[in-house]
Amino acid sequence: MPCARFLVSGRVQGVFFRASARAEAERLGLSGYAKNLADGRVEVLACGEEAALAQLEAWLWRGPPAAEVAAVQRSVMEVAPPPRGFRTA
């Protein structure tokens, strides 16, 4: 199962970014997590179908209404076994 790690920068903490990302990932049938990083970015790990990962990436560029996304970096991740469900940390 393909997995991707996204690092989202900009105004992405304190704007319900993680909770909104979880809702979008669950809607797309993805598993993984979203967590705040100490440097102000949000890390999102998502596993599932490539088409759903691409849709999540497009959503991450927008984020929730109060967010101001400056950049989204994507890298391929090898995760075994893939996570169950989607959580925020």
PDB file of N, CA and C in Angstrom:
ATOM      1  N   MET A   1       0.850  -1.178   0.000  1.00  0.00           N
ATOM      2  CA  MET A   1       0.000   0.000   0.000  1.00  0.00           C
ATOM      3  C   MET A   1       0.896   1.241   0.000  1.00  0.00           C
ATOM      4  N   PRO A   2       0.703   2.157  -0.935  1.00  0.00           N
ATOM      5  CA  PRO A   2       1.526   3.357  -0.966  1.00  0.00           C
ATOM      6  C   PRO A   2       1.267   4.269   0.242  1.00  0.00           C
ATOM      7  N   CYS A   3       2.349   4.853   0.740  1.00  0.00           N
ATOM      8  CA  CYS A   3       2.266   5.826   1.831  1.00  0.00           C
ATOM      9  C   CYS A   3       3.072   7.059   1.452  1.00  0.00           C
ATOM     10  N   ALA A   4       2.609   8.208   1.891  1.00  0.00           N
ATOM     11  CA  ALA A   4       3.313   9.458   1.626  1.00  0.00           C
ATOM     12  C   ALA A   4       3.372  10.281   2.906  1.00  0.00           C
ATOM     13  N   ARG A   5       4.481  10.988   3.056  1.00  0.00           N
ATOM     14  CA  ARG A   5       4.650  11.919   4.173  1.00  0.00           C
ATOM     15  C   ARG A   5       4.608  13.320   3.593  1.00  0.00           C
ATOM     16  N   PHE A   6       3.742  14.144   4.149  1.00  0.00           N
ATOM     17  CA  PHE A   6       3.596  15.525   3.717  1.00  0.00           C
ATOM     18  C   PHE A   6       4.037  16.443   4.852  1.00  0.00           C
ATOM     19  N   LEU A   7       4.843  17.441   4.533  1.00  0.00           N
ATOM     20  CA  LEU A   7       5.211  18.485   5.484  1.00  0.00           C
ATOM     21  C   LEU A   7       4.587  19.777   4.985  1.00  0.00           C
ATOM     22  N   VAL A   8       3.676  20.313   5.774  1.00  0.00           N
ATOM     23  CA  VAL A   8       2.892  21.476   5.370  1.00  0.00           C
ATOM     24  C   VAL A   8       3.353  22.679   6.189  1.00  0.00           C
ATOM     25  N   SER A   9       3.748  23.745   5.497  1.00  0.00           N
ATOM     26  CA  SER A   9       4.212  24.942   6.197  1.00  0.00           C
ATOM     27  C   SER A   9       3.333  26.137   5.868  1.00  0.00           C
ATOM     28  N   GLY A  10       3.468  27.157   6.683  1.00  0.00           N
ATOM     29  CA  GLY A  10       2.645  28.355   6.576  1.00  0.00           C
ATOM     30  C   GLY A  10       1.916  28.558   7.887  1.00  0.00           C
ATOM     31  N   ARG A  11       0.757  29.158   7.811  1.00  0.00           N
ATOM     32  CA  ARG A  11      -0.086  29.326   9.016  1.00  0.00           C
ATOM     33  C   ARG A  11      -0.970  28.085   9.106  1.00  0.00           C
ATOM     34  N   VAL A  12      -0.417  27.033   9.732  1.00  0.00           N
ATOM     35  CA  VAL A  12      -1.102  25.742   9.738  1.00  0.00           C
ATOM     36  C   VAL A  12      -1.294  25.170  11.141  1.00  0.00           C
ATOM     37  N   GLN A  13      -0.830  25.876  12.154  1.00  0.00           N
ATOM     38  CA  GLN A  13      -1.096  25.439  13.525  1.00  0.00           C
ATOM     39  C   GLN A  13      -2.054  26.423  14.178  1.00  0.00           C
ATOM     40  N   GLY A  14      -2.965  25.882  14.992  1.00  0.00           N
ATOM     41  CA  GLY A  14      -3.949  26.723  15.664  1.00  0.00           C
ATOM     42  C   GLY A  14      -5.112  27.125  14.779  1.00  0.00           C
ATOM     43  N   VAL A  15      -5.283  26.437  13.643  1.00  0.00           N
ATOM     44  CA  VAL A  15      -6.367  26.769  12.697  1.00  0.00           C
ATOM     45  C   VAL A  15      -7.193  25.529  12.342  1.00  0.00           C
ATOM     46  N   PHE A  16      -7.147  24.511  13.212  1.00  0.00           N
ATOM     47  CA  PHE A  16      -7.873  23.249  13.016  1.00  0.00           C
ATOM     48  C   PHE A  16      -7.380  22.472  11.802  1.00  0.00           C
ATOM     49  N   PHE A  17      -6.096  22.653  11.464  1.00  0.00           N
ATOM     50  CA  PHE A  17      -5.546  21.976  10.293  1.00  0.00           C
ATOM     51  C   PHE A  17      -5.527  20.463  10.486  1.00  0.00           C
ATOM     52  N   ARG A  18      -5.032  19.995  11.638  1.00  0.00           N
ATOM     53  CA  ARG A  18      -4.938  18.545  11.867  1.00  0.00           C
ATOM     54  C   ARG A  18      -6.305  17.879  11.848  1.00  0.00           C
ATOM     55  N   ALA A  19      -7.262  18.446  12.543  1.00  0.00           N
ATOM     56  CA  ALA A  19      -8.602  17.854  12.589  1.00  0.00           C
ATOM     57  C   ALA A  19      -9.244  17.856  11.204  1.00  0.00           C
ATOM     58  N   SER A  20      -9.046  18.929  10.469  1.00  0.00           N
ATOM     59  CA  SER A  20      -9.605  19.009   9.120  1.00  0.00           C
ATOM     60  C   SER A  20      -8.915  18.025   8.187  1.00  0.00           C
ATOM     61  N   ALA A  21      -7.605  17.865   8.343  1.00  0.00           N
ATOM     62  CA  ALA A  21      -6.869  16.892   7.525  1.00  0.00           C
ATOM     63  C   ALA A  21      -7.336  15.477   7.836  1.00  0.00           C
ATOM     64  N   ARG A  22      -7.584  15.194   9.113  1.00  0.00           N
ATOM     65  CA  ARG A  22      -8.098  13.873   9.487  1.00  0.00           C
ATOM     66  C   ARG A  22      -9.446  13.614   8.831  1.00  0.00           C
ATOM     67  N   ALA A  23     -10.334  14.588   8.869  1.00  0.00           N
ATOM     68  CA  ALA A  23     -11.661  14.426   8.264  1.00  0.00           C
ATOM     69  C   ALA A  23     -11.533  14.180   6.761  1.00  0.00           C
ATOM     70  N   GLU A  24     -10.649  14.909   6.093  1.00  0.00           N
ATOM     71  CA  GLU A  24     -10.465  14.738   4.652  1.00  0.00           C
ATOM     72  C   GLU A  24      -9.851  13.375   4.354  1.00  0.00           C
ATOM     73  N   ALA A  25      -8.858  12.964   5.125  1.00  0.00           N
ATOM     74  CA  ALA A  25      -8.232  11.655   4.920  1.00  0.00           C
ATOM     75  C   ALA A  25      -9.234  10.525   5.133  1.00  0.00           C
ATOM     76  N   GLU A  26     -10.048  10.645   6.160  1.00  0.00           N
ATOM     77  CA  GLU A  26     -11.063   9.618   6.406  1.00  0.00           C
ATOM     78  C   GLU A  26     -12.077   9.571   5.269  1.00  0.00           C
ATOM     79  N   ARG A  27     -12.453  10.726   4.754  1.00  0.00           N
ATOM     80  CA  ARG A  27     -13.383  10.778   3.622  1.00  0.00           C
ATOM     81  C   ARG A  27     -12.788  10.067   2.413  1.00  0.00           C
ATOM     82  N   LEU A  28     -11.474  10.172   2.255  1.00  0.00           N
ATOM     83  CA  LEU A  28     -10.794   9.558   1.113  1.00  0.00           C
ATOM     84  C   LEU A  28     -10.398   8.103   1.365  1.00  0.00           C
ATOM     85  N   GLY A  29     -10.666   7.596   2.563  1.00  0.00           N
ATOM     86  CA  GLY A  29     -10.344   6.204   2.878  1.00  0.00           C
ATOM     87  C   GLY A  29      -8.872   5.967   3.173  1.00  0.00           C
ATOM     88  N   LEU A  30      -8.171   6.992   3.652  1.00  0.00           N
ATOM     89  CA  LEU A  30      -6.746   6.885   3.953  1.00  0.00           C
ATOM     90  C   LEU A  30      -6.525   6.618   5.437  1.00  0.00           C
ATOM     91  N   SER A  31      -5.414   5.996   5.758  1.00  0.00           N
ATOM     92  CA  SER A  31      -5.022   5.809   7.147  1.00  0.00           C
ATOM     93  C   SER A  31      -3.745   6.600   7.395  1.00  0.00           C
ATOM     94  N   GLY A  32      -3.438   6.850   8.674  1.00  0.00           N
ATOM     95  CA  GLY A  32      -2.223   7.580   8.994  1.00  0.00           C
ATOM     96  C   GLY A  32      -2.416   8.508  10.167  1.00  0.00           C
ATOM     97  N   TYR A  33      -1.742   9.662  10.105  1.00  0.00           N
ATOM     98  CA  TYR A  33      -1.840  10.622  11.205  1.00  0.00           C
ATOM     99  C   TYR A  33      -1.503  12.031  10.718  1.00  0.00           C
ATOM    100  N   ALA A  34      -1.881  12.995  11.539  1.00  0.00           N
ATOM    101  CA  ALA A  34      -1.485  14.395  11.346  1.00  0.00           C
ATOM    102  C   ALA A  34      -1.008  14.898  12.695  1.00  0.00           C
ATOM    103  N   LYS A  35       0.173  15.543  12.708  1.00  0.00           N
ATOM    104  CA  LYS A  35       0.680  16.062  13.984  1.00  0.00           C
ATOM    105  C   LYS A  35       1.423  17.364  13.762  1.00  0.00           C
ATOM    106  N   ASN A  36       1.382  18.204  14.795  1.00  0.00           N
ATOM    107  CA  ASN A  36       2.131  19.455  14.794  1.00  0.00           C
ATOM    108  C   ASN A  36       3.605  19.157  15.033  1.00  0.00           C
ATOM    109  N   LEU A  37       4.467  19.900  14.359  1.00  0.00           N
ATOM    110  CA  LEU A  37       5.900  19.818  14.598  1.00  0.00           C
ATOM    111  C   LEU A  37       6.351  21.063  15.362  1.00  0.00           C
ATOM    112  N   ALA A  38       7.437  20.936  16.079  1.00  0.00           N
ATOM    113  CA  ALA A  38       7.935  22.035  16.897  1.00  0.00           C
ATOM    114  C   ALA A  38       8.307  23.262  16.071  1.00  0.00           C
ATOM    115  N   ASP A  39       8.627  23.081  14.790  1.00  0.00           N
ATOM    116  CA  ASP A  39       9.032  24.212  13.947  1.00  0.00           C
ATOM    117  C   ASP A  39       7.854  24.946  13.298  1.00  0.00           C
ATOM    118  N   GLY A  40       6.606  24.577  13.677  1.00  0.00           N
ATOM    119  CA  GLY A  40       5.426  25.270  13.164  1.00  0.00           C
ATOM    120  C   GLY A  40       4.760  24.597  11.981  1.00  0.00           C
ATOM    121  N   ARG A  41       5.380  23.553  11.450  1.00  0.00           N
ATOM    122  CA  ARG A  41       4.764  22.824  10.342  1.00  0.00           C
ATOM    123  C   ARG A  41       3.834  21.745  10.871  1.00  0.00           C
ATOM    124  N   VAL A  42       3.034  21.176   9.964  1.00  0.00           N
ATOM    125  CA  VAL A  42       2.209  20.015  10.269  1.00  0.00           C
ATOM    126  C   VAL A  42       2.719  18.867   9.417  1.00  0.00           C
ATOM    127  N   GLU A  43       2.933  17.713  10.052  1.00  0.00           N
ATOM    128  CA  GLU A  43       3.331  16.498   9.350  1.00  0.00           C
ATOM    129  C   GLU A  43       2.101  15.625   9.169  1.00  0.00           C
ATOM    130  N   VAL A  44       1.886  15.156   7.955  1.00  0.00           N
ATOM    131  CA  VAL A  44       0.777  14.260   7.656  1.00  0.00           C
ATOM    132  C   VAL A  44       1.359  13.013   7.014  1.00  0.00           C
ATOM    133  N   LEU A  45       1.109  11.863   7.602  1.00  0.00           N
ATOM    134  CA  LEU A  45       1.450  10.583   7.001  1.00  0.00           C
ATOM    135  C   LEU A  45       0.143   9.964   6.546  1.00  0.00           C
ATOM    136  N   ALA A  46       0.069   9.572   5.286  1.00  0.00           N
ATOM    137  CA  ALA A  46      -1.163   8.996   4.756  1.00  0.00           C
ATOM    138  C   ALA A  46      -0.836   7.772   3.915  1.00  0.00           C
ATOM    139  N   CYS A  47      -1.641   6.723   4.075  1.00  0.00           N
ATOM    140  CA  CYS A  47      -1.461   5.478   3.336  1.00  0.00           C
ATOM    141  C   CYS A  47      -2.786   5.102   2.682  1.00  0.00           C
ATOM    142  N   GLY A  48      -2.707   4.663   1.431  1.00  0.00           N
ATOM    143  CA  GLY A  48      -3.908   4.252   0.711  1.00  0.00           C
ATOM    144  C   GLY A  48      -3.674   4.308  -0.781  1.00  0.00           C
ATOM    145  N   GLU A  49      -4.751   4.351  -1.527  1.00  0.00           N
ATOM    146  CA  GLU A  49      -4.673   4.388  -2.983  1.00  0.00           C
ATOM    147  C   GLU A  49      -4.002   5.671  -3.457  1.00  0.00           C
ATOM    148  N   GLU A  50      -3.216   5.569  -4.514  1.00  0.00           N
ATOM    149  CA  GLU A  50      -2.472   6.726  -5.033  1.00  0.00           C
ATOM    150  C   GLU A  50      -3.409   7.875  -5.423  1.00  0.00           C
ATOM    151  N   ALA A  51      -4.553   7.561  -6.011  1.00  0.00           N
ATOM    152  CA  ALA A  51      -5.495   8.618  -6.399  1.00  0.00           C
ATOM    153  C   ALA A  51      -5.979   9.386  -5.166  1.00  0.00           C
ATOM    154  N   ALA A  52      -6.217   8.672  -4.065  1.00  0.00           N
ATOM    155  CA  ALA A  52      -6.662   9.324  -2.824  1.00  0.00           C
ATOM    156  C   ALA A  52      -5.527  10.156  -2.228  1.00  0.00           C
ATOM    157  N   LEU A  53      -4.291   9.665  -2.316  1.00  0.00           N
ATOM    158  CA  LEU A  53      -3.148  10.442  -1.824  1.00  0.00           C
ATOM    159  C   LEU A  53      -3.008  11.739  -2.615  1.00  0.00           C
ATOM    160  N   ALA A  54      -3.220  11.671  -3.915  1.00  0.00           N
ATOM    161  CA  ALA A  54      -3.140  12.874  -4.752  1.00  0.00           C
ATOM    162  C   ALA A  54      -4.242  13.865  -4.381  1.00  0.00           C
ATOM    163  N   GLN A  55      -5.432  13.363  -4.085  1.00  0.00           N
ATOM    164  CA  GLN A  55      -6.535  14.238  -3.686  1.00  0.00           C
ATOM    165  C   GLN A  55      -6.236  14.881  -2.336  1.00  0.00           C
ATOM    166  N   LEU A  56      -5.651  14.104  -1.415  1.00  0.00           N
ATOM    167  CA  LEU A  56      -5.292  14.679  -0.120  1.00  0.00           C
ATOM    168  C   LEU A  56      -4.232  15.756  -0.306  1.00  0.00           C
ATOM    169  N   GLU A  57      -3.240  15.495  -1.141  1.00  0.00           N
ATOM    170  CA  GLU A  57      -2.198  16.500  -1.377  1.00  0.00           C
ATOM    171  C   GLU A  57      -2.802  17.803  -1.903  1.00  0.00           C
ATOM    172  N   ALA A  58      -3.735  17.698  -2.833  1.00  0.00           N
ATOM    173  CA  ALA A  58      -4.394  18.901  -3.359  1.00  0.00           C
ATOM    174  C   ALA A  58      -5.136  19.626  -2.239  1.00  0.00           C
ATOM    175  N   TRP A  59      -5.800  18.879  -1.357  1.00  0.00           N
ATOM    176  CA  TRP A  59      -6.508  19.500  -0.238  1.00  0.00           C
ATOM    177  C   TRP A  59      -5.519  20.167   0.712  1.00  0.00           C
ATOM    178  N   LEU A  60      -4.374  19.523   0.968  1.00  0.00           N
ATOM    179  CA  LEU A  60      -3.389  20.088   1.888  1.00  0.00           C
ATOM    180  C   LEU A  60      -2.897  21.457   1.418  1.00  0.00           C
ATOM    181  N   TRP A  61      -2.845  21.677   0.125  1.00  0.00           N
ATOM    182  CA  TRP A  61      -2.440  22.985  -0.398  1.00  0.00           C
ATOM    183  C   TRP A  61      -3.460  24.069  -0.049  1.00  0.00           C
ATOM    184  N   ARG A  62      -4.714  23.674   0.183  1.00  0.00           N
ATOM    185  CA  ARG A  62      -5.758  24.641   0.565  1.00  0.00           C
ATOM    186  C   ARG A  62      -5.924  24.685   2.077  1.00  0.00           C
ATOM    187  N   GLY A  63      -6.110  23.518   2.686  1.00  0.00           N
ATOM    188  CA  GLY A  63      -6.340  23.420   4.121  1.00  0.00           C
ATOM    189  C   GLY A  63      -7.692  23.986   4.509  1.00  0.00           C
ATOM    190  N   PRO A  64      -7.947  24.097   5.815  1.00  0.00           N
ATOM    191  CA  PRO A  64      -9.203  24.664   6.298  1.00  0.00           C
ATOM    192  C   PRO A  64      -9.226  26.172   6.046  1.00  0.00           C
ATOM    193  N   PRO A  65     -10.383  26.798   6.182  1.00  0.00           N
ATOM    194  CA  PRO A  65     -10.521  28.213   5.833  1.00  0.00           C
ATOM    195  C   PRO A  65      -9.524  29.162   6.493  1.00  0.00           C
ATOM    196  N   ALA A  66      -9.159  28.944   7.755  1.00  0.00           N
ATOM    197  CA  ALA A  66      -8.273  29.880   8.457  1.00  0.00           C
ATOM    198  C   ALA A  66      -6.785  29.653   8.151  1.00  0.00           C
ATOM    199  N   ALA A  67      -6.462  28.582   7.462  1.00  0.00           N
ATOM    200  CA  ALA A  67      -5.062  28.274   7.164  1.00  0.00           C
ATOM    201  C   ALA A  67      -4.542  29.116   6.000  1.00  0.00           C
ATOM    202  N   GLU A  68      -3.233  29.327   6.021  1.00  0.00           N
ATOM    203  CA  GLU A  68      -2.538  29.979   4.910  1.00  0.00           C
ATOM    204  C   GLU A  68      -1.342  29.092   4.580  1.00  0.00           C
ATOM    205  N   VAL A  69      -1.515  28.188   3.626  1.00  0.00           N
ATOM    206  CA  VAL A  69      -0.481  27.215   3.288  1.00  0.00           C
ATOM    207  C   VAL A  69       0.559  27.860   2.385  1.00  0.00           C
ATOM    208  N   ALA A  70       1.821  27.756   2.795  1.00  0.00           N
ATOM    209  CA  ALA A  70       2.920  28.305   2.002  1.00  0.00           C
ATOM    210  C   ALA A  70       3.574  27.234   1.137  1.00  0.00           C
ATOM    211  N   ALA A  71       3.644  25.991   1.644  1.00  0.00           N
ATOM    212  CA  ALA A  71       4.299  24.921   0.894  1.00  0.00           C
ATOM    213  C   ALA A  71       3.840  23.563   1.409  1.00  0.00           C
ATOM    214  N   VAL A  72       3.875  22.591   0.519  1.00  0.00           N
ATOM    215  CA  VAL A  72       3.618  21.194   0.864  1.00  0.00           C
ATOM    216  C   VAL A  72       4.732  20.373   0.232  1.00  0.00           C
ATOM    217  N   GLN A  73       5.497  19.696   1.070  1.00  0.00           N
ATOM    218  CA  GLN A  73       6.560  18.816   0.584  1.00  0.00           C
ATOM    219  C   GLN A  73       6.076  17.377   0.728  1.00  0.00           C
ATOM    220  N   ARG A  74       6.233  16.580  -0.343  1.00  0.00           N
ATOM    221  CA  ARG A  74       5.786  15.193  -0.315  1.00  0.00           C
ATOM    222  C   ARG A  74       6.983  14.271  -0.496  1.00  0.00           C
ATOM    223  N   SER A  75       7.030  13.213   0.311  1.00  0.00           N
ATOM    224  CA  SER A  75       8.041  12.179   0.140  1.00  0.00           C
ATOM    225  C   SER A  75       7.377  10.820   0.298  1.00  0.00           C
ATOM    226  N   VAL A  76       7.953   9.824  -0.363  1.00  0.00           N
ATOM    227  CA  VAL A  76       7.443   8.460  -0.288  1.00  0.00           C
ATOM    228  C   VAL A  76       7.928   7.837   1.012  1.00  0.00           C
ATOM    229  N   MET A  77       7.045   7.121   1.677  1.00  0.00           N
ATOM    230  CA  MET A  77       7.403   6.456   2.932  1.00  0.00           C
ATOM    231  C   MET A  77       7.130   4.964   2.807  1.00  0.00           C
ATOM    232  N   GLU A  78       8.017   4.176   3.381  1.00  0.00           N
ATOM    233  CA  GLU A  78       7.793   2.739   3.518  1.00  0.00           C
ATOM    234  C   GLU A  78       7.299   2.508   4.938  1.00  0.00           C
ATOM    235  N   VAL A  79       6.064   2.055   5.077  1.00  0.00           N
ATOM    236  CA  VAL A  79       5.477   1.839   6.397  1.00  0.00           C
ATOM    237  C   VAL A  79       4.941   0.417   6.444  1.00  0.00           C
ATOM    238  N   ALA A  80       5.484  -0.386   7.357  1.00  0.00           N
ATOM    239  CA  ALA A  80       5.024  -1.763   7.485  1.00  0.00           C
ATOM    240  C   ALA A  80       4.863  -2.099   8.960  1.00  0.00           C
ATOM    241  N   PRO A  81       3.712  -2.509   9.372  1.00  0.00           N
ATOM    242  CA  PRO A  81       2.473  -2.524   8.589  1.00  0.00           C
ATOM    243  C   PRO A  81       1.889  -1.122   8.512  1.00  0.00           C
ATOM    244  N   PRO A  82       1.032  -0.868   7.518  1.00  0.00           N
ATOM    245  CA  PRO A  82       0.416   0.453   7.431  1.00  0.00           C
ATOM    246  C   PRO A  82      -0.479   0.712   8.646  1.00  0.00           C
ATOM    247  N   PRO A  83      -0.604   1.976   9.036  1.00  0.00           N
ATOM    248  CA  PRO A  83      -1.439   2.296  10.204  1.00  0.00           C
ATOM    249  C   PRO A  83      -2.906   1.974   9.962  1.00  0.00           C
ATOM    250  N   ARG A  84      -3.604   1.762  11.047  1.00  0.00           N
ATOM    251  CA  ARG A  84      -5.062   1.558  10.983  1.00  0.00           C
ATOM    252  C   ARG A  84      -5.740   2.848  11.387  1.00  0.00           C
ATOM    253  N   GLY A  85      -6.720   3.254  10.611  1.00  0.00           N
ATOM    254  CA  GLY A  85      -7.435   4.476  10.932  1.00  0.00           C
ATOM    255  C   GLY A  85      -6.565   5.704  10.734  1.00  0.00           C
ATOM    256  N   PHE A  86      -7.110   6.847  11.068  1.00  0.00           N
ATOM    257  CA  PHE A  86      -6.379   8.108  10.945  1.00  0.00           C
ATOM    258  C   PHE A  86      -6.515   8.845  12.264  1.00  0.00           C
ATOM    259  N   ARG A  87      -5.395   9.288  12.807  1.00  0.00           N
ATOM    260  CA  ARG A  87      -5.423   9.942  14.123  1.00  0.00           C
ATOM    261  C   ARG A  87      -4.683  11.281  14.063  1.00  0.00           C
ATOM    262  N   THR A  88      -4.918  12.082  15.069  1.00  0.00           N
ATOM    263  CA  THR A  88      -4.153  13.315  15.233  1.00  0.00           C
ATOM    264  C   THR A  88      -3.297  13.154  16.479  1.00  0.00           C
ATOM    265  N   ALA A  89      -2.142  13.767  16.443  1.00  0.00           N
ATOM    266  CA  ALA A  89      -1.228  13.677  17.576  1.00  0.00           C
ATOM    267  C   ALA A  89      -0.778  15.067  17.981  1.00  0.00           C
TER     268      ALA A  89
END
